């Protein structure tokens, strides 16, 4: 695996790969990798010839009172995991390399960014869209891979790519979970043993919502209430939101039908965790997407 730290080095490596007729797969990350990230690398390995992973803790997507300074970092560990996962090229730039001067340019999707996580993190998706757009310009991949756990991020990136005619295909890879259902996340490291024991309630809440839909419930407020009641079984878990929305636009649904996203976020101690499930709901069936 080649490790580079500059934009010029990435571009040179990608040019060389393209001259050999290779397809470029790209996995953008903030590091402190886990099995979820490695599933993205595996998906890129299966579909493309040159697998590029970026490791960059992006300050633009952290609010003033968020966890930028204490976000977990371990570059040596991440390099070992990527070597074992058959990554070809690791791009690990400094903040100065990515932002040599304060950014004047921003990418903002105000409607998609204002809902769900955007209500409590109002600048987050502007930072995400801006850095992903910049990384796409640097790496110029054929296919980019994202985790479906971050469903709102996937929706933002897909719409950005469509609106700006960026020539990259977006792949959403299924969420990787612990045996008890907890979605893999770099922020799980923040959980105390007691908080870790309570954390699977997020997935149970989503399952409660799914079960209501499978039983024939089509009122979004009733599905949401099933999720809220499940979280309430763990008083230590502070609910941020539980929503039933359109899976593409993220807008509230009048009726549970079509491509449906059940999304949840909650605080456990100093950790803020998110999770979701996607369904296709019709008169004939309820199918997980």
C-alpha atoms as a PDB file:
ATOM      1  CA  UNK A   1       0.000   0.000   0.000  1.00  0.00           C
ATOM      2  CA  UNK A   2       1.273   3.428  -0.952  1.00  0.00           C
ATOM      3  CA  UNK A   3       0.805   6.194   1.639  1.00  0.00           C
ATOM      4  CA  UNK A   4       0.766   9.790   0.442  1.00  0.00           C
ATOM      5  CA  UNK A   5       0.117  13.102   2.133  1.00  0.00           C
ATOM      6  CA  UNK A   6      -0.200  15.578  -0.708  1.00  0.00           C
ATOM      7  CA  UNK A   7      -2.742  16.321  -3.391  1.00  0.00           C
ATOM      8  CA  UNK A   8      -0.051  16.195  -6.073  1.00  0.00           C
ATOM      9  CA  UNK A   9       0.935  12.648  -5.074  1.00  0.00           C
ATOM     10  CA  UNK A  10      -2.657  11.383  -5.225  1.00  0.00           C
ATOM     11  CA  UNK A  11      -3.205  12.926  -8.637  1.00  0.00           C
ATOM     12  CA  UNK A  12       0.025  11.395  -9.960  1.00  0.00           C
ATOM     13  CA  UNK A  13      -0.947   7.922  -8.699  1.00  0.00           C
ATOM     14  CA  UNK A  14      -4.447   8.180 -10.180  1.00  0.00           C
ATOM     15  CA  UNK A  15      -3.098   9.410 -13.535  1.00  0.00           C
ATOM     16  CA  UNK A  16      -0.754   6.429 -13.675  1.00  0.00           C
ATOM     17  CA  UNK A  17      -3.617   4.028 -12.901  1.00  0.00           C
ATOM     18  CA  UNK A  18      -5.827   5.563 -15.581  1.00  0.00           C
ATOM     19  CA  UNK A  19      -3.007   5.261 -18.113  1.00  0.00           C
ATOM     20  CA  UNK A  20      -3.171   1.516 -17.436  1.00  0.00           C
ATOM     21  CA  UNK A  21      -6.926   1.497 -18.044  1.00  0.00           C
ATOM     22  CA  UNK A  22      -7.816   0.994 -14.379  1.00  0.00           C
ATOM     23  CA  UNK A  23     -11.059   2.035 -12.681  1.00  0.00           C
ATOM     24  CA  UNK A  24     -10.667   4.096  -9.513  1.00  0.00           C
ATOM     25  CA  UNK A  25     -12.614   3.274  -6.338  1.00  0.00           C
ATOM     26  CA  UNK A  26     -12.645   5.773  -3.490  1.00  0.00           C
ATOM     27  CA  UNK A  27     -13.543   5.476   0.195  1.00  0.00           C
ATOM     28  CA  UNK A  28     -13.477   8.794   2.110  1.00  0.00           C
ATOM     29  CA  UNK A  29     -13.069   8.353   5.888  1.00  0.00           C
ATOM     30  CA  UNK A  30     -12.121  10.271   9.012  1.00  0.00           C
ATOM     31  CA  UNK A  31     -10.045   7.362  10.261  1.00  0.00           C
ATOM     32  CA  UNK A  32     -10.204   5.325  13.456  1.00  0.00           C
ATOM     33  CA  UNK A  33     -11.383   2.551  11.191  1.00  0.00           C
ATOM     34  CA  UNK A  34     -13.710  -0.308  12.079  1.00  0.00           C
ATOM     35  CA  UNK A  35     -15.401  -3.171  10.249  1.00  0.00           C
ATOM     36  CA  UNK A  36     -17.887  -0.782   8.660  1.00  0.00           C
ATOM     37  CA  UNK A  37     -15.099   1.150   6.934  1.00  0.00           C
ATOM     38  CA  UNK A  38     -13.394  -2.077   5.917  1.00  0.00           C
ATOM     39  CA  UNK A  39     -16.628  -3.282   4.292  1.00  0.00           C
ATOM     40  CA  UNK A  40     -16.444  -0.183   2.069  1.00  0.00           C
ATOM     41  CA  UNK A  41     -12.858  -1.025   1.154  1.00  0.00           C
ATOM     42  CA  UNK A  42     -13.920  -4.595   0.352  1.00  0.00           C
ATOM     43  CA  UNK A  43     -16.743  -3.317  -1.856  1.00  0.00           C
ATOM     44  CA  UNK A  44     -14.314  -1.016  -3.665  1.00  0.00           C
ATOM     45  CA  UNK A  45     -11.837  -3.891  -4.051  1.00  0.00           C
ATOM     46  CA  UNK A  46     -14.524  -6.079  -5.629  1.00  0.00           C
ATOM     47  CA  UNK A  47     -15.649  -3.468  -8.140  1.00  0.00           C
ATOM     48  CA  UNK A  48     -12.618  -1.369  -9.055  1.00  0.00           C
ATOM     49  CA  UNK A  49      -8.922  -1.743  -9.850  1.00  0.00           C
ATOM     50  CA  UNK A  50      -7.240   0.971  -7.770  1.00  0.00           C
ATOM     51  CA  UNK A  51      -8.687   1.395  -4.253  1.00  0.00           C
ATOM     52  CA  UNK A  52      -8.018   4.828  -2.750  1.00  0.00           C
ATOM     53  CA  UNK A  53      -8.892   5.589   0.884  1.00  0.00           C
ATOM     54  CA  UNK A  54      -8.665   9.080   2.344  1.00  0.00           C
ATOM     55  CA  UNK A  55      -8.140   9.631   6.045  1.00  0.00           C
ATOM     56  CA  UNK A  56      -8.913  13.203   7.037  1.00  0.00           C
ATOM     57  CA  UNK A  57     -10.654  14.549  10.136  1.00  0.00           C
ATOM     58  CA  UNK A  58     -12.413  17.436   8.455  1.00  0.00           C
ATOM     59  CA  UNK A  59     -12.743  20.505  10.700  1.00  0.00           C
ATOM     60  CA  UNK A  60     -15.420  22.044   8.477  1.00  0.00           C
ATOM     61  CA  UNK A  61     -18.005  19.472   9.560  1.00  0.00           C
ATOM     62  CA  UNK A  62     -17.577  19.983  13.311  1.00  0.00           C
ATOM     63  CA  UNK A  63     -19.522  22.669  15.170  1.00  0.00           C
ATOM     64  CA  UNK A  64     -17.861  24.892  17.795  1.00  0.00           C
ATOM     65  CA  UNK A  65     -18.920  22.683  20.721  1.00  0.00           C
ATOM     66  CA  UNK A  66     -18.421  19.314  19.032  1.00  0.00           C
ATOM     67  CA  UNK A  67     -15.716  16.691  19.363  1.00  0.00           C
ATOM     68  CA  UNK A  68     -13.095  17.745  16.784  1.00  0.00           C
ATOM     69  CA  UNK A  69     -10.222  17.862  19.291  1.00  0.00           C
ATOM     70  CA  UNK A  70     -11.060  14.543  20.919  1.00  0.00           C
ATOM     71  CA  UNK A  71     -12.250  12.664  17.830  1.00  0.00           C
ATOM     72  CA  UNK A  72     -10.384   9.328  17.994  1.00  0.00           C
ATOM     73  CA  UNK A  73      -7.246   9.096  15.863  1.00  0.00           C
ATOM     74  CA  UNK A  74      -4.757   6.266  15.349  1.00  0.00           C
ATOM     75  CA  UNK A  75      -2.979   6.500  11.999  1.00  0.00           C
ATOM     76  CA  UNK A  76      -0.650   3.540  12.543  1.00  0.00           C
ATOM     77  CA  UNK A  77      -3.545   1.250  13.442  1.00  0.00           C
ATOM     78  CA  UNK A  78      -5.541   2.480  10.449  1.00  0.00           C
ATOM     79  CA  UNK A  79      -2.611   1.822   8.118  1.00  0.00           C
ATOM     80  CA  UNK A  80      -2.323  -1.761   9.374  1.00  0.00           C
ATOM     81  CA  UNK A  81      -6.048  -2.366   8.844  1.00  0.00           C
ATOM     82  CA  UNK A  82      -5.951  -0.928   5.332  1.00  0.00           C
ATOM     83  CA  UNK A  83      -2.881  -2.988   4.429  1.00  0.00           C
ATOM     84  CA  UNK A  84      -4.740  -6.106   5.532  1.00  0.00           C
ATOM     85  CA  UNK A  85      -7.820  -4.965   3.604  1.00  0.00           C
ATOM     86  CA  UNK A  86      -5.898  -4.638   0.317  1.00  0.00           C
ATOM     87  CA  UNK A  87      -6.134  -0.884  -0.018  1.00  0.00           C
ATOM     88  CA  UNK A  88      -3.805   0.374  -2.770  1.00  0.00           C
ATOM     89  CA  UNK A  89      -3.407   4.038  -1.895  1.00  0.00           C
ATOM     90  CA  UNK A  90      -3.940   5.868   1.403  1.00  0.00           C
ATOM     91  CA  UNK A  91      -4.271   9.639   1.219  1.00  0.00           C
ATOM     92  CA  UNK A  92      -3.707  11.119   4.689  1.00  0.00           C
ATOM     93  CA  UNK A  93      -3.384  14.893   4.254  1.00  0.00           C
ATOM     94  CA  UNK A  94      -2.871  17.518   6.925  1.00  0.00           C
ATOM     95  CA  UNK A  95      -5.389  20.293   7.469  1.00  0.00           C
ATOM     96  CA  UNK A  96      -2.914  22.709   5.875  1.00  0.00           C
ATOM     97  CA  UNK A  97      -2.690  20.517   2.768  1.00  0.00           C
ATOM     98  CA  UNK A  98      -6.460  20.443   2.371  1.00  0.00           C
ATOM     99  CA  UNK A  99      -7.103  24.028   3.457  1.00  0.00           C
ATOM    100  CA  UNK A 100      -3.939  26.100   2.892  1.00  0.00           C
ATOM    101  CA  UNK A 101      -6.013  29.227   3.471  1.00  0.00           C
ATOM    102  CA  UNK A 102      -9.514  29.779   4.890  1.00  0.00           C
ATOM    103  CA  UNK A 103     -12.150  28.435   2.511  1.00  0.00           C
ATOM    104  CA  UNK A 104     -14.244  30.990   0.657  1.00  0.00           C
ATOM    105  CA  UNK A 105     -16.121  28.318  -1.268  1.00  0.00           C
ATOM    106  CA  UNK A 106     -18.817  26.177   0.330  1.00  0.00           C
ATOM    107  CA  UNK A 107     -21.177  23.530  -0.993  1.00  0.00           C
ATOM    108  CA  UNK A 108     -24.558  23.793   0.662  1.00  0.00           C
ATOM    109  CA  UNK A 109     -27.712  21.770   0.179  1.00  0.00           C
ATOM    110  CA  UNK A 110     -30.036  23.704   2.476  1.00  0.00           C
ATOM    111  CA  UNK A 111     -33.104  21.483   2.317  1.00  0.00           C
ATOM    112  CA  UNK A 112     -31.380  18.121   2.795  1.00  0.00           C
ATOM    113  CA  UNK A 113     -28.987  19.595   5.370  1.00  0.00           C
ATOM    114  CA  UNK A 114     -31.629  21.222   7.584  1.00  0.00           C
ATOM    115  CA  UNK A 115     -33.499  18.078   8.652  1.00  0.00           C
ATOM    116  CA  UNK A 116     -32.681  15.078  10.882  1.00  0.00           C
ATOM    117  CA  UNK A 117     -29.080  15.529  12.102  1.00  0.00           C
ATOM    118  CA  UNK A 118     -28.983  18.999  10.587  1.00  0.00           C
ATOM    119  CA  UNK A 119     -31.344  20.328  13.237  1.00  0.00           C
ATOM    120  CA  UNK A 120     -28.801  19.768  16.001  1.00  0.00           C
ATOM    121  CA  UNK A 121     -25.718  20.101  13.753  1.00  0.00           C
ATOM    122  CA  UNK A 122     -26.640  23.048  11.508  1.00  0.00           C
ATOM    123  CA  UNK A 123     -23.248  23.444   9.795  1.00  0.00           C
ATOM    124  CA  UNK A 124     -22.346  19.757   9.578  1.00  0.00           C
ATOM    125  CA  UNK A 125     -23.545  18.826   6.103  1.00  0.00           C
ATOM    126  CA  UNK A 126     -22.194  22.004   4.558  1.00  0.00           C
ATOM    127  CA  UNK A 127     -18.787  20.851   5.791  1.00  0.00           C
ATOM    128  CA  UNK A 128     -19.401  17.296   4.571  1.00  0.00           C
ATOM    129  CA  UNK A 129     -20.505  18.381   1.097  1.00  0.00           C
ATOM    130  CA  UNK A 130     -17.611  20.815   0.760  1.00  0.00           C
ATOM    131  CA  UNK A 131     -14.897  18.334   1.713  1.00  0.00           C
ATOM    132  CA  UNK A 132     -16.403  15.470  -0.323  1.00  0.00           C
ATOM    133  CA  UNK A 133     -16.667  17.732  -3.370  1.00  0.00           C
ATOM    134  CA  UNK A 134     -13.014  18.733  -2.887  1.00  0.00           C
ATOM    135  CA  UNK A 135     -11.924  15.105  -2.444  1.00  0.00           C
ATOM    136  CA  UNK A 136     -13.799  14.110  -5.602  1.00  0.00           C
ATOM    137  CA  UNK A 137     -11.904  16.821  -7.484  1.00  0.00           C
ATOM    138  CA  UNK A 138      -8.606  15.547  -6.076  1.00  0.00           C
ATOM    139  CA  UNK A 139      -9.109  11.796  -6.536  1.00  0.00           C
ATOM    140  CA  UNK A 140     -11.512  11.897  -9.508  1.00  0.00           C
ATOM    141  CA  UNK A 141     -12.854   8.394  -8.782  1.00  0.00           C
ATOM    142  CA  UNK A 142     -15.126   6.363 -10.986  1.00  0.00           C
ATOM    143  CA  UNK A 143     -17.024   5.008  -7.964  1.00  0.00           C
ATOM    144  CA  UNK A 144     -17.180   6.269  -4.360  1.00  0.00           C
ATOM    145  CA  UNK A 145     -18.338   4.112  -1.466  1.00  0.00           C
ATOM    146  CA  UNK A 146     -20.249   5.312   1.620  1.00  0.00           C
ATOM    147  CA  UNK A 147     -21.852   3.531   4.558  1.00  0.00           C
ATOM    148  CA  UNK A 148     -25.631   3.406   4.629  1.00  0.00           C
ATOM    149  CA  UNK A 149     -25.493   4.049   8.391  1.00  0.00           C
ATOM    150  CA  UNK A 150     -24.919   7.668   7.402  1.00  0.00           C
ATOM    151  CA  UNK A 151     -28.084   7.788   5.304  1.00  0.00           C
ATOM    152  CA  UNK A 152     -28.404  11.565   5.370  1.00  0.00           C
ATOM    153  CA  UNK A 153     -24.803  11.941   4.247  1.00  0.00           C
ATOM    154  CA  UNK A 154     -25.475   9.539   1.375  1.00  0.00           C
ATOM    155  CA  UNK A 155     -28.541  11.561   0.358  1.00  0.00           C
ATOM    156  CA  UNK A 156     -26.559  14.813   0.468  1.00  0.00           C
ATOM    157  CA  UNK A 157     -23.661  13.413  -1.571  1.00  0.00           C
ATOM    158  CA  UNK A 158     -25.943  11.829  -4.166  1.00  0.00           C
ATOM    159  CA  UNK A 159     -27.857  15.070  -4.693  1.00  0.00           C
ATOM    160  CA  UNK A 160     -24.620  17.094  -4.838  1.00  0.00           C
ATOM    161  CA  UNK A 161     -23.219  14.763  -7.508  1.00  0.00           C
ATOM    162  CA  UNK A 162     -26.439  15.035  -9.527  1.00  0.00           C
ATOM    163  CA  UNK A 163     -26.741  18.814  -9.214  1.00  0.00           C
ATOM    164  CA  UNK A 164     -23.083  19.531 -10.048  1.00  0.00           C
ATOM    165  CA  UNK A 165     -22.774  16.810 -12.737  1.00  0.00           C
ATOM    166  CA  UNK A 166     -19.783  15.242 -10.986  1.00  0.00           C
ATOM    167  CA  UNK A 167     -18.845  12.096 -12.946  1.00  0.00           C
ATOM    168  CA  UNK A 168     -18.774   9.612 -10.066  1.00  0.00           C
ATOM    169  CA  UNK A 169     -21.095   6.757  -9.157  1.00  0.00           C
ATOM    170  CA  UNK A 170     -22.179   6.618  -5.506  1.00  0.00           C
ATOM    171  CA  UNK A 171     -22.465   3.240  -3.802  1.00  0.00           C
ATOM    172  CA  UNK A 172     -24.169   2.855  -0.420  1.00  0.00           C
ATOM    173  CA  UNK A 173     -22.888  -0.197   1.457  1.00  0.00           C
ATOM    174  CA  UNK A 174     -25.073  -1.860   4.133  1.00  0.00           C
ATOM    175  CA  UNK A 175     -24.495  -1.001   7.789  1.00  0.00           C
ATOM    176  CA  UNK A 176     -22.195  -3.333   9.710  1.00  0.00           C
ATOM    177  CA  UNK A 177     -23.499  -4.193  13.179  1.00  0.00           C
ATOM    178  CA  UNK A 178     -22.345  -5.748  16.411  1.00  0.00           C
ATOM    179  CA  UNK A 179     -24.037  -9.063  17.334  1.00  0.00           C
ATOM    180  CA  UNK A 180     -26.536  -7.153  19.509  1.00  0.00           C
ATOM    181  CA  UNK A 181     -27.495  -4.830  16.640  1.00  0.00           C
ATOM    182  CA  UNK A 182     -25.466  -1.723  17.521  1.00  0.00           C
ATOM    183  CA  UNK A 183     -24.196  -0.066  14.352  1.00  0.00           C
ATOM    184  CA  UNK A 184     -20.408   0.080  14.099  1.00  0.00           C
ATOM    185  CA  UNK A 185     -19.180   3.622  14.670  1.00  0.00           C
ATOM    186  CA  UNK A 186     -15.893   5.306  15.529  1.00  0.00           C
ATOM    187  CA  UNK A 187     -17.753   7.126  18.299  1.00  0.00           C
ATOM    188  CA  UNK A 188     -18.658   3.853  20.036  1.00  0.00           C
ATOM    189  CA  UNK A 189     -15.267   4.154  21.715  1.00  0.00           C
ATOM    190  CA  UNK A 190     -16.739   6.967  23.832  1.00  0.00           C
ATOM    191  CA  UNK A 191     -19.268   4.633  25.488  1.00  0.00           C
ATOM    192  CA  UNK A 192     -18.822   3.513  29.072  1.00  0.00           C
ATOM    193  CA  UNK A 193     -19.699  -0.148  29.808  1.00  0.00           C
ATOM    194  CA  UNK A 194     -23.132   0.893  31.075  1.00  0.00           C
ATOM    195  CA  UNK A 195     -23.772   3.098  28.045  1.00  0.00           C
ATOM    196  CA  UNK A 196     -22.606   0.327  25.721  1.00  0.00           C
ATOM    197  CA  UNK A 197     -25.162  -1.991  27.333  1.00  0.00           C
ATOM    198  CA  UNK A 198     -27.926   0.541  26.621  1.00  0.00           C
ATOM    199  CA  UNK A 199     -26.814   1.503  23.097  1.00  0.00           C
ATOM    200  CA  UNK A 200     -28.553  -1.344  21.208  1.00  0.00           C
ATOM    201  CA  UNK A 201     -31.876   0.272  22.114  1.00  0.00           C
ATOM    202  CA  UNK A 202     -31.458   2.452  19.005  1.00  0.00           C
ATOM    203  CA  UNK A 203     -31.634  -0.559  16.709  1.00  0.00           C
ATOM    204  CA  UNK A 204     -34.440  -2.094  18.768  1.00  0.00           C
ATOM    205  CA  UNK A 205     -36.394   1.127  18.318  1.00  0.00           C
ATOM    206  CA  UNK A 206     -35.930   0.944  14.573  1.00  0.00           C
ATOM    207  CA  UNK A 207     -37.039  -2.676  14.628  1.00  0.00           C
ATOM    208  CA  UNK A 208     -40.129  -1.687  16.598  1.00  0.00           C
ATOM    209  CA  UNK A 209     -40.997   0.811  13.870  1.00  0.00           C
ATOM    210  CA  UNK A 210     -40.430  -1.774  11.151  1.00  0.00           C
ATOM    211  CA  UNK A 211     -42.655  -4.257  12.959  1.00  0.00           C
ATOM    212  CA  UNK A 212     -45.490  -1.724  13.104  1.00  0.00           C
ATOM    213  CA  UNK A 213     -45.189  -1.169   9.356  1.00  0.00           C
ATOM    214  CA  UNK A 214     -45.049  -4.905   8.670  1.00  0.00           C
ATOM    215  CA  UNK A 215     -48.215  -5.275  10.748  1.00  0.00           C
ATOM    216  CA  UNK A 216     -49.974  -2.865   8.408  1.00  0.00           C
ATOM    217  CA  UNK A 217     -49.495   0.512  10.121  1.00  0.00           C
ATOM    218  CA  UNK A 218     -49.188   3.324   7.575  1.00  0.00           C
ATOM    219  CA  UNK A 219     -49.445   6.379   9.839  1.00  0.00           C
ATOM    220  CA  UNK A 220     -45.938   7.849  10.262  1.00  0.00           C
ATOM    221  CA  UNK A 221     -46.780   9.274  13.687  1.00  0.00           C
ATOM    222  CA  UNK A 222     -47.783   5.829  14.979  1.00  0.00           C
ATOM    223  CA  UNK A 223     -44.567   4.263  13.668  1.00  0.00           C
ATOM    224  CA  UNK A 224     -42.548   7.058  15.212  1.00  0.00           C
ATOM    225  CA  UNK A 225     -44.309   6.600  18.554  1.00  0.00           C
ATOM    226  CA  UNK A 226     -43.299   2.940  18.614  1.00  0.00           C
ATOM    227  CA  UNK A 227     -39.679   4.029  18.190  1.00  0.00           C
ATOM    228  CA  UNK A 228     -39.918   6.713  20.881  1.00  0.00           C
ATOM    229  CA  UNK A 229     -41.516   4.350  23.380  1.00  0.00           C
ATOM    230  CA  UNK A 230     -38.771   1.787  22.849  1.00  0.00           C
ATOM    231  CA  UNK A 231     -36.009   4.338  23.514  1.00  0.00           C
ATOM    232  CA  UNK A 232     -37.863   5.460  26.658  1.00  0.00           C
ATOM    233  CA  UNK A 233     -37.197   2.015  28.131  1.00  0.00           C
ATOM    234  CA  UNK A 234     -33.601   3.186  28.698  1.00  0.00           C
ATOM    235  CA  UNK A 235     -33.764   6.437  30.735  1.00  0.00           C
ATOM    236  CA  UNK A 236     -30.024   7.028  30.271  1.00  0.00           C
ATOM    237  CA  UNK A 237     -30.538   7.427  26.508  1.00  0.00           C
ATOM    238  CA  UNK A 238     -31.478  10.974  25.490  1.00  0.00           C
ATOM    239  CA  UNK A 239     -33.355  10.942  22.208  1.00  0.00           C
ATOM    240  CA  UNK A 240     -32.366  13.558  19.639  1.00  0.00           C
ATOM    241  CA  UNK A 241     -34.875  12.474  17.001  1.00  0.00           C
ATOM    242  CA  UNK A 242     -36.828   9.515  15.683  1.00  0.00           C
ATOM    243  CA  UNK A 243     -38.270  10.138  12.230  1.00  0.00           C
ATOM    244  CA  UNK A 244     -40.109   8.425   9.386  1.00  0.00           C
ATOM    245  CA  UNK A 245     -39.260  10.201   6.135  1.00  0.00           C
ATOM    246  CA  UNK A 246     -38.941   9.799   2.386  1.00  0.00           C
ATOM    247  CA  UNK A 247     -35.659   7.998   1.718  1.00  0.00           C
ATOM    248  CA  UNK A 248     -34.574  10.356  -1.070  1.00  0.00           C
ATOM    249  CA  UNK A 249     -35.835  13.819  -0.141  1.00  0.00           C
ATOM    250  CA  UNK A 250     -35.791  13.208   3.663  1.00  0.00           C
ATOM    251  CA  UNK A 251     -39.119  15.015   3.848  1.00  0.00           C
ATOM    252  CA  UNK A 252     -41.842  13.903   6.286  1.00  0.00           C
ATOM    253  CA  UNK A 253     -44.318  11.405   4.912  1.00  0.00           C
ATOM    254  CA  UNK A 254     -48.082  11.785   5.021  1.00  0.00           C
ATOM    255  CA  UNK A 255     -48.415   8.019   4.537  1.00  0.00           C
ATOM    256  CA  UNK A 256     -45.803   5.294   4.921  1.00  0.00           C
ATOM    257  CA  UNK A 257     -45.378   4.281   1.283  1.00  0.00           C
ATOM    258  CA  UNK A 258     -42.599   3.950  -1.286  1.00  0.00           C
ATOM    259  CA  UNK A 259     -38.929   4.343  -0.316  1.00  0.00           C
ATOM    260  CA  UNK A 260     -39.062   4.951   3.441  1.00  0.00           C
ATOM    261  CA  UNK A 261     -36.257   5.825   5.859  1.00  0.00           C
ATOM    262  CA  UNK A 262     -36.636   5.206   9.583  1.00  0.00           C
ATOM    263  CA  UNK A 263     -33.903   7.270  11.234  1.00  0.00           C
ATOM    264  CA  UNK A 264     -32.861   7.784  14.835  1.00  0.00           C
ATOM    265  CA  UNK A 265     -30.229   9.699  16.799  1.00  0.00           C
ATOM    266  CA  UNK A 266     -29.581   9.771  20.531  1.00  0.00           C
ATOM    267  CA  UNK A 267     -27.055  10.821  23.138  1.00  0.00           C
ATOM    268  CA  UNK A 268     -25.446   8.317  25.487  1.00  0.00           C
ATOM    269  CA  UNK A 269     -23.119  10.208  27.780  1.00  0.00           C
ATOM    270  CA  UNK A 270     -20.743  12.158  25.556  1.00  0.00           C
ATOM    271  CA  UNK A 271     -21.498  10.029  22.495  1.00  0.00           C
ATOM    272  CA  UNK A 272     -24.071  10.944  19.888  1.00  0.00           C
ATOM    273  CA  UNK A 273     -25.059   7.864  17.893  1.00  0.00           C
ATOM    274  CA  UNK A 274     -27.172   7.535  14.751  1.00  0.00           C
ATOM    275  CA  UNK A 275     -28.811   4.610  12.994  1.00  0.00           C
ATOM    276  CA  UNK A 276     -31.443   3.903  10.364  1.00  0.00           C
ATOM    277  CA  UNK A 277     -33.199   1.283   8.291  1.00  0.00           C
ATOM    278  CA  UNK A 278     -34.530   1.645   4.756  1.00  0.00           C
ATOM    279  CA  UNK A 279     -37.696   0.005   3.479  1.00  0.00           C
ATOM    280  CA  UNK A 280     -39.647  -0.204   0.283  1.00  0.00           C
ATOM    281  CA  UNK A 281     -43.306  -0.205   1.265  1.00  0.00           C
ATOM    282  CA  UNK A 282     -46.110  -1.045  -1.142  1.00  0.00           C
ATOM    283  CA  UNK A 283     -49.610  -2.448  -0.906  1.00  0.00           C
ATOM    284  CA  UNK A 284     -48.176  -5.933  -1.488  1.00  0.00           C
ATOM    285  CA  UNK A 285     -45.021  -6.029   0.585  1.00  0.00           C
ATOM    286  CA  UNK A 286     -42.626  -4.416   3.042  1.00  0.00           C
ATOM    287  CA  UNK A 287     -39.085  -5.019   1.843  1.00  0.00           C
ATOM    288  CA  UNK A 288     -35.792  -3.973   3.421  1.00  0.00           C
ATOM    289  CA  UNK A 289     -33.622  -2.029   1.001  1.00  0.00           C
END
